[in-house]
Amino acid sequence: MRPPEAPEPNNPPEHLATRGGIAFLTFYCSDLHETLAAAEAQGAELRSDRTLIDPEKPLRLCFFADPEGNIIELVET
């Protein structure tokens, strides 16, 4: 059995295609500050405003780029 062929770089499969050109992964965590600090220690770069992670906010989230440039969203639950 042959493995499936890889999609062309500029032509992702339909289920991976994005609308508006932005794609990101979302991870839920119990401590946003701790998780973001660990990511930044490994080379992540915050891409959203730090006011979104204010402890007084009812919904705390942030976006960062990993060292390869992938966008990741963290949401505190």
PDB file of N, CA and C in Angstrom:
ATOM      1  N   MET A   1       0.844  -1.173   0.000  1.00  0.00           N
ATOM      2  CA  MET A   1       0.000   0.000   0.000  1.00  0.00           C
ATOM      3  C   MET A   1       0.892   1.240   0.000  1.00  0.00           C
ATOM      4  N   ARG A   2       0.603   2.174  -0.869  1.00  0.00           N
ATOM      5  CA  ARG A   2       1.376   3.410  -0.974  1.00  0.00           C
ATOM      6  C   ARG A   2       0.830   4.461  -0.018  1.00  0.00           C
ATOM      7  N   PRO A   3       1.722   5.255   0.589  1.00  0.00           N
ATOM      8  CA  PRO A   3       1.227   6.354   1.440  1.00  0.00           C
ATOM      9  C   PRO A   3       0.556   7.409   0.575  1.00  0.00           C
ATOM     10  N   PRO A   4      -0.361   8.183   1.144  1.00  0.00           N
ATOM     11  CA  PRO A   4      -1.023   9.235   0.358  1.00  0.00           C
ATOM     12  C   PRO A   4      -0.005  10.276  -0.086  1.00  0.00           C
ATOM     13  N   GLU A   5      -0.271  10.849  -1.228  1.00  0.00           N
ATOM     14  CA  GLU A   5       0.624  11.888  -1.749  1.00  0.00           C
ATOM     15  C   GLU A   5       0.441  13.173  -0.947  1.00  0.00           C
ATOM     16  N   ALA A   6       1.540  13.864  -0.730  1.00  0.00           N
ATOM     17  CA  ALA A   6       1.491  15.146  -0.012  1.00  0.00           C
ATOM     18  C   ALA A   6       0.851  16.197  -0.911  1.00  0.00           C
ATOM     19  N   PRO A   7       0.033  17.089  -0.347  1.00  0.00           N
ATOM     20  CA  PRO A   7      -0.565  18.150  -1.162  1.00  0.00           C
ATOM     21  C   PRO A   7       0.491  19.152  -1.600  1.00  0.00           C
ATOM     22  N   GLU A   8       0.192  19.830  -2.665  1.00  0.00           N
ATOM     23  CA  GLU A   8       1.065  20.912  -3.118  1.00  0.00           C
ATOM     24  C   GLU A   8       1.091  21.993  -2.043  1.00  0.00           C
ATOM     25  N   PRO A   9       2.231  22.644  -1.794  1.00  0.00           N
ATOM     26  CA  PRO A   9       2.328  23.646  -0.724  1.00  0.00           C
ATOM     27  C   PRO A   9       1.294  24.759  -0.797  1.00  0.00           C
ATOM     28  N   ASN A  10       0.964  25.222  -1.984  1.00  0.00           N
ATOM     29  CA  ASN A  10       0.006  26.323  -2.117  1.00  0.00           C
ATOM     30  C   ASN A  10      -1.395  25.833  -2.439  1.00  0.00           C
ATOM     31  N   ASN A  11      -1.631  24.535  -2.310  1.00  0.00           N
ATOM     32  CA  ASN A  11      -2.933  23.966  -2.612  1.00  0.00           C
ATOM     33  C   ASN A  11      -3.285  22.924  -1.560  1.00  0.00           C
ATOM     34  N   PRO A  12      -3.588  23.358  -0.315  1.00  0.00           N
ATOM     35  CA  PRO A  12      -3.874  22.388   0.750  1.00  0.00           C
ATOM     36  C   PRO A  12      -5.188  21.666   0.482  1.00  0.00           C
ATOM     37  N   PRO A  13      -5.358  20.484   1.068  1.00  0.00           N
ATOM     38  CA  PRO A  13      -6.640  19.788   0.925  1.00  0.00           C
ATOM     39  C   PRO A  13      -7.767  20.678   1.440  1.00  0.00           C
ATOM     40  N   GLU A  14      -8.973  20.449   0.932  1.00  0.00           N
ATOM     41  CA  GLU A  14     -10.103  21.312   1.271  1.00  0.00           C
ATOM     42  C   GLU A  14     -10.337  21.390   2.776  1.00  0.00           C
ATOM     43  N   HIS A  15     -10.181  20.276   3.503  1.00  0.00           N
ATOM     44  CA  HIS A  15     -10.446  20.302   4.937  1.00  0.00           C
ATOM     45  C   HIS A  15      -9.385  21.086   5.713  1.00  0.00           C
ATOM     46  N   LEU A  16      -8.251  21.416   5.076  1.00  0.00           N
ATOM     47  CA  LEU A  16      -7.225  22.219   5.724  1.00  0.00           C
ATOM     48  C   LEU A  16      -7.195  23.651   5.216  1.00  0.00           C
ATOM     49  N   ALA A  17      -7.993  23.927   4.203  1.00  0.00           N
ATOM     50  CA  ALA A  17      -8.005  25.272   3.630  1.00  0.00           C
ATOM     51  C   ALA A  17      -8.560  26.259   4.652  1.00  0.00           C
ATOM     52  N   THR A  18      -8.088  27.481   4.587  1.00  0.00           N
ATOM     53  CA  THR A  18      -8.537  28.506   5.523  1.00  0.00           C
ATOM     54  C   THR A  18      -9.354  29.556   4.794  1.00  0.00           C
ATOM     55  N   ARG A  19     -10.139  30.246   5.542  1.00  0.00           N
ATOM     56  CA  ARG A  19     -10.886  31.379   4.999  1.00  0.00           C
ATOM     57  C   ARG A  19     -10.200  32.636   5.484  1.00  0.00           C
ATOM     58  N   GLY A  20      -9.898  33.522   4.597  1.00  0.00           N
ATOM     59  CA  GLY A  20      -9.259  34.766   4.974  1.00  0.00           C
ATOM     60  C   GLY A  20      -7.752  34.648   5.148  1.00  0.00           C
ATOM     61  N   GLY A  21      -7.188  33.501   4.871  1.00  0.00           N
ATOM     62  CA  GLY A  21      -5.745  33.340   4.895  1.00  0.00           C
ATOM     63  C   GLY A  21      -5.121  33.160   6.262  1.00  0.00           C
ATOM     64  N   ILE A  22      -5.910  32.974   7.323  1.00  0.00           N
ATOM     65  CA  ILE A  22      -5.344  32.791   8.651  1.00  0.00           C
ATOM     66  C   ILE A  22      -5.744  31.422   9.186  1.00  0.00           C
ATOM     67  N   ALA A  23      -4.766  30.683   9.640  1.00  0.00           N
ATOM     68  CA  ALA A  23      -5.033  29.391  10.274  1.00  0.00           C
ATOM     69  C   ALA A  23      -4.253  29.344  11.574  1.00  0.00           C
ATOM     70  N   PHE A  24      -4.847  28.774  12.601  1.00  0.00           N
ATOM     71  CA  PHE A  24      -4.137  28.649  13.868  1.00  0.00           C
ATOM     72  C   PHE A  24      -4.701  27.485  14.652  1.00  0.00           C
ATOM     73  N   LEU A  25      -3.910  26.999  15.574  1.00  0.00           N
ATOM     74  CA  LEU A  25      -4.333  25.961  16.498  1.00  0.00           C
ATOM     75  C   LEU A  25      -4.773  26.629  17.789  1.00  0.00           C
ATOM     76  N   THR A  26      -5.748  26.046  18.459  1.00  0.00           N
ATOM     77  CA  THR A  26      -6.183  26.544  19.759  1.00  0.00           C
ATOM     78  C   THR A  26      -5.917  25.492  20.809  1.00  0.00           C
ATOM     79  N   PHE A  27      -5.284  25.896  21.881  1.00  0.00           N
ATOM     80  CA  PHE A  27      -5.056  25.018  23.022  1.00  0.00           C
ATOM     81  C   PHE A  27      -5.695  25.661  24.242  1.00  0.00           C
ATOM     82  N   TYR A  28      -6.348  24.844  25.043  1.00  0.00           N
ATOM     83  CA  TYR A  28      -6.960  25.299  26.286  1.00  0.00           C
ATOM     84  C   TYR A  28      -6.034  24.935  27.434  1.00  0.00           C
ATOM     85  N   CYS A  29      -5.879  25.855  28.380  1.00  0.00           N
ATOM     86  CA  CYS A  29      -4.973  25.617  29.502  1.00  0.00           C
ATOM     87  C   CYS A  29      -5.606  26.150  30.784  1.00  0.00           C
ATOM     88  N   SER A  30      -5.103  25.681  31.911  1.00  0.00           N
ATOM     89  CA  SER A  30      -5.651  26.129  33.193  1.00  0.00           C
ATOM     90  C   SER A  30      -4.909  27.345  33.746  1.00  0.00           C
ATOM     91  N   ASP A  31      -3.683  27.591  33.274  1.00  0.00           N
ATOM     92  CA  ASP A  31      -2.901  28.741  33.728  1.00  0.00           C
ATOM     93  C   ASP A  31      -2.231  29.385  32.522  1.00  0.00           C
ATOM     94  N   LEU A  32      -2.868  30.408  32.004  1.00  0.00           N
ATOM     95  CA  LEU A  32      -2.383  31.049  30.780  1.00  0.00           C
ATOM     96  C   LEU A  32      -1.001  31.659  30.967  1.00  0.00           C
ATOM     97  N   HIS A  33      -0.766  32.340  32.102  1.00  0.00           N
ATOM     98  CA  HIS A  33       0.544  32.966  32.334  1.00  0.00           C
ATOM     99  C   HIS A  33       1.661  31.919  32.328  1.00  0.00           C
ATOM    100  N   GLU A  34       1.446  30.816  33.012  1.00  0.00           N
ATOM    101  CA  GLU A  34       2.466  29.762  33.094  1.00  0.00           C
ATOM    102  C   GLU A  34       2.712  29.122  31.723  1.00  0.00           C
ATOM    103  N   THR A  35       1.637  28.848  30.996  1.00  0.00           N
ATOM    104  CA  THR A  35       1.768  28.215  29.687  1.00  0.00           C
ATOM    105  C   THR A  35       2.453  29.147  28.693  1.00  0.00           C
ATOM    106  N   LEU A  36       2.061  30.420  28.692  1.00  0.00           N
ATOM    107  CA  LEU A  36       2.690  31.386  27.790  1.00  0.00           C
ATOM    108  C   LEU A  36       4.158  31.581  28.150  1.00  0.00           C
ATOM    109  N   ALA A  37       4.483  31.656  29.422  1.00  0.00           N
ATOM    110  CA  ALA A  37       5.877  31.814  29.847  1.00  0.00           C
ATOM    111  C   ALA A  37       6.721  30.626  29.366  1.00  0.00           C
ATOM    112  N   ALA A  38       6.179  29.423  29.468  1.00  0.00           N
ATOM    113  CA  ALA A  38       6.906  28.236  28.996  1.00  0.00           C
ATOM    114  C   ALA A  38       7.112  28.295  27.488  1.00  0.00           C
ATOM    115  N   ALA A  39       6.089  28.732  26.755  1.00  0.00           N
ATOM    116  CA  ALA A  39       6.213  28.849  25.292  1.00  0.00           C
ATOM    117  C   ALA A  39       7.252  29.906  24.922  1.00  0.00           C
ATOM    118  N   GLU A  40       7.212  31.057  25.598  1.00  0.00           N
ATOM    119  CA  GLU A  40       8.175  32.124  25.308  1.00  0.00           C
ATOM    120  C   GLU A  40       9.602  31.681  25.646  1.00  0.00           C
ATOM    121  N   ALA A  41       9.764  30.873  26.681  1.00  0.00           N
ATOM    122  CA  ALA A  41      11.096  30.367  27.036  1.00  0.00           C
ATOM    123  C   ALA A  41      11.661  29.460  25.945  1.00  0.00           C
ATOM    124  N   GLN A  42      10.760  28.901  25.128  1.00  0.00           N
ATOM    125  CA  GLN A  42      11.184  28.027  24.041  1.00  0.00           C
ATOM    126  C   GLN A  42      11.257  28.752  22.698  1.00  0.00           C
ATOM    127  N   GLY A  43      11.087  30.075  22.719  1.00  0.00           N
ATOM    128  CA  GLY A  43      11.245  30.862  21.495  1.00  0.00           C
ATOM    129  C   GLY A  43       9.966  31.389  20.884  1.00  0.00           C
ATOM    130  N   ALA A  44       8.826  31.202  21.539  1.00  0.00           N
ATOM    131  CA  ALA A  44       7.567  31.732  21.013  1.00  0.00           C
ATOM    132  C   ALA A  44       7.561  33.253  21.105  1.00  0.00           C
ATOM    133  N   GLU A  45       6.832  33.886  20.186  1.00  0.00           N
ATOM    134  CA  GLU A  45       6.732  35.349  20.154  1.00  0.00           C
ATOM    135  C   GLU A  45       5.272  35.750  20.258  1.00  0.00           C
ATOM    136  N   LEU A  46       4.918  36.492  21.302  1.00  0.00           N
ATOM    137  CA  LEU A  46       3.545  36.932  21.512  1.00  0.00           C
ATOM    138  C   LEU A  46       3.103  37.778  20.331  1.00  0.00           C
ATOM    139  N   ARG A  47       1.919  37.501  19.800  1.00  0.00           N
ATOM    140  CA  ARG A  47       1.392  38.240  18.654  1.00  0.00           C
ATOM    141  C   ARG A  47       0.141  39.038  18.995  1.00  0.00           C
ATOM    142  N   SER A  48      -0.349  38.921  20.227  1.00  0.00           N
ATOM    143  CA  SER A  48      -1.531  39.678  20.632  1.00  0.00           C
ATOM    144  C   SER A  48      -1.159  40.606  21.785  1.00  0.00           C
ATOM    145  N   ASP A  49      -2.052  41.495  22.106  1.00  0.00           N
ATOM    146  CA  ASP A  49      -1.831  42.467  23.167  1.00  0.00           C
ATOM    147  C   ASP A  49      -1.852  41.777  24.532  1.00  0.00           C
ATOM    148  N   ARG A  50      -0.905  42.094  25.377  1.00  0.00           N
ATOM    149  CA  ARG A  50      -0.839  41.470  26.707  1.00  0.00           C
ATOM    150  C   ARG A  50      -2.046  41.812  27.575  1.00  0.00           C
ATOM    151  N   THR A  51      -2.808  42.848  27.226  1.00  0.00           N
ATOM    152  CA  THR A  51      -3.994  43.171  28.030  1.00  0.00           C
ATOM    153  C   THR A  51      -5.051  42.068  27.925  1.00  0.00           C
ATOM    154  N   LEU A  52      -4.985  41.222  26.908  1.00  0.00           N
ATOM    155  CA  LEU A  52      -5.943  40.125  26.771  1.00  0.00           C
ATOM    156  C   LEU A  52      -5.752  39.056  27.832  1.00  0.00           C
ATOM    157  N   ILE A  53      -4.585  39.063  28.503  1.00  0.00           N
ATOM    158  CA  ILE A  53      -4.350  38.046  29.534  1.00  0.00           C
ATOM    159  C   ILE A  53      -4.454  38.637  30.936  1.00  0.00           C
ATOM    160  N   ASP A  54      -5.079  39.802  31.044  1.00  0.00           N
ATOM    161  CA  ASP A  54      -5.300  40.457  32.337  1.00  0.00           C
ATOM    162  C   ASP A  54      -6.160  39.549  33.226  1.00  0.00           C
ATOM    163  N   PRO A  55      -5.716  39.272  34.463  1.00  0.00           N
ATOM    164  CA  PRO A  55      -6.482  38.398  35.358  1.00  0.00           C
ATOM    165  C   PRO A  55      -7.902  38.882  35.648  1.00  0.00           C
ATOM    166  N   GLU A  56      -8.167  40.171  35.430  1.00  0.00           N
ATOM    167  CA  GLU A  56      -9.498  40.721  35.684  1.00  0.00           C
ATOM    168  C   GLU A  56     -10.475  40.455  34.535  1.00  0.00           C
ATOM    169  N   LYS A  57      -9.981  40.009  33.396  1.00  0.00           N
ATOM    170  CA  LYS A  57     -10.836  39.746  32.236  1.00  0.00           C
ATOM    171  C   LYS A  57     -11.576  38.428  32.432  1.00  0.00           C
ATOM    172  N   PRO A  58     -12.850  38.368  32.040  1.00  0.00           N
ATOM    173  CA  PRO A  58     -13.590  37.108  32.176  1.00  0.00           C
ATOM    174  C   PRO A  58     -13.117  36.041  31.182  1.00  0.00           C
ATOM    175  N   LEU A  59     -12.668  36.463  30.017  1.00  0.00           N
ATOM    176  CA  LEU A  59     -12.133  35.532  29.022  1.00  0.00           C
ATOM    177  C   LEU A  59     -10.687  35.925  28.775  1.00  0.00           C
ATOM    178  N   ARG A  60      -9.777  35.020  29.068  1.00  0.00           N
ATOM    179  CA  ARG A  60      -8.351  35.318  28.902  1.00  0.00           C
ATOM    180  C   ARG A  60      -7.810  34.462  27.780  1.00  0.00           C
ATOM    181  N   LEU A  61      -7.180  35.121  26.813  1.00  0.00           N
ATOM    182  CA  LEU A  61      -6.603  34.399  25.688  1.00  0.00           C
ATOM    183  C   LEU A  61      -5.442  35.187  25.115  1.00  0.00           C
ATOM    184  N   CYS A  62      -4.660  34.526  24.290  1.00  0.00           N
ATOM    185  CA  CYS A  62      -3.571  35.204  23.593  1.00  0.00           C
ATOM    186  C   CYS A  62      -3.225  34.407  22.347  1.00  0.00           C
ATOM    187  N   PHE A  63      -2.516  35.056  21.450  1.00  0.00           N
ATOM    188  CA  PHE A  63      -1.995  34.417  20.250  1.00  0.00           C
ATOM    189  C   PHE A  63      -0.484  34.573  20.277  1.00  0.00           C
ATOM    190  N   PHE A  64       0.226  33.528  19.860  1.00  0.00           N
ATOM    191  CA  PHE A  64       1.672  33.637  19.713  1.00  0.00           C
ATOM    192  C   PHE A  64       2.109  32.828  18.511  1.00  0.00           C
ATOM    193  N   ALA A  65       3.308  33.115  18.038  1.00  0.00           N
ATOM    194  CA  ALA A  65       3.899  32.365  16.930  1.00  0.00           C
ATOM    195  C   ALA A  65       5.005  31.503  17.507  1.00  0.00           C
ATOM    196  N   ASP A  66       5.011  30.233  17.121  1.00  0.00           N
ATOM    197  CA  ASP A  66       6.094  29.360  17.558  1.00  0.00           C
ATOM    198  C   ASP A  66       7.342  29.666  16.726  1.00  0.00           C
ATOM    199  N   PRO A  67       8.483  29.076  17.043  1.00  0.00           N
ATOM    200  CA  PRO A  67       9.707  29.397  16.309  1.00  0.00           C
ATOM    201  C   PRO A  67       9.621  29.151  14.796  1.00  0.00           C
ATOM    202  N   GLU A  68       8.703  28.271  14.353  1.00  0.00           N
ATOM    203  CA  GLU A  68       8.538  28.014  12.924  1.00  0.00           C
ATOM    204  C   GLU A  68       7.532  28.962  12.274  1.00  0.00           C
ATOM    205  N   GLY A  69       6.918  29.844  13.080  1.00  0.00           N
ATOM    206  CA  GLY A  69       5.977  30.820  12.544  1.00  0.00           C
ATOM    207  C   GLY A  69       4.521  30.390  12.591  1.00  0.00           C
ATOM    208  N   ASN A  70       4.224  29.209  13.146  1.00  0.00           N
ATOM    209  CA  ASN A  70       2.845  28.756  13.265  1.00  0.00           C
ATOM    210  C   ASN A  70       2.133  29.581  14.339  1.00  0.00           C
ATOM    211  N   ILE A  71       0.909  30.009  14.046  1.00  0.00           N
ATOM    212  CA  ILE A  71       0.140  30.806  14.991  1.00  0.00           C
ATOM    213  C   ILE A  71      -0.638  29.871  15.912  1.00  0.00           C
ATOM    214  N   ILE A  72      -0.556  30.135  17.211  1.00  0.00           N
ATOM    215  CA  ILE A  72      -1.217  29.312  18.221  1.00  0.00           C
ATOM    216  C   ILE A  72      -1.998  30.233  19.154  1.00  0.00           C
ATOM    217  N   GLU A  73      -3.202  29.815  19.461  1.00  0.00           N
ATOM    218  CA  GLU A  73      -4.044  30.542  20.408  1.00  0.00           C
ATOM    219  C   GLU A  73      -4.089  29.753  21.713  1.00  0.00           C
ATOM    220  N   LEU A  74      -3.934  30.450  22.820  1.00  0.00           N
ATOM    221  CA  LEU A  74      -4.124  29.849  24.143  1.00  0.00           C
ATOM    222  C   LEU A  74      -5.367  30.466  24.759  1.00  0.00           C
ATOM    223  N   VAL A  75      -6.209  29.626  25.329  1.00  0.00           N
ATOM    224  CA  VAL A  75      -7.420  30.089  26.012  1.00  0.00           C
ATOM    225  C   VAL A  75      -7.413  29.479  27.402  1.00  0.00           C
ATOM    226  N   GLU A  76      -7.544  30.334  28.414  1.00  0.00           N
ATOM    227  CA  GLU A  76      -7.582  29.819  29.784  1.00  0.00           C
ATOM    228  C   GLU A  76      -9.001  29.358  30.110  1.00  0.00           C
ATOM    229  N   THR A  77      -9.089  28.154  30.655  1.00  0.00           N
ATOM    230  CA  THR A  77     -10.400  27.606  31.008  1.00  0.00           C
ATOM    231  C   THR A  77     -10.602  27.620  32.502  1.00  0.00           C
TER     232      THR A  77
END
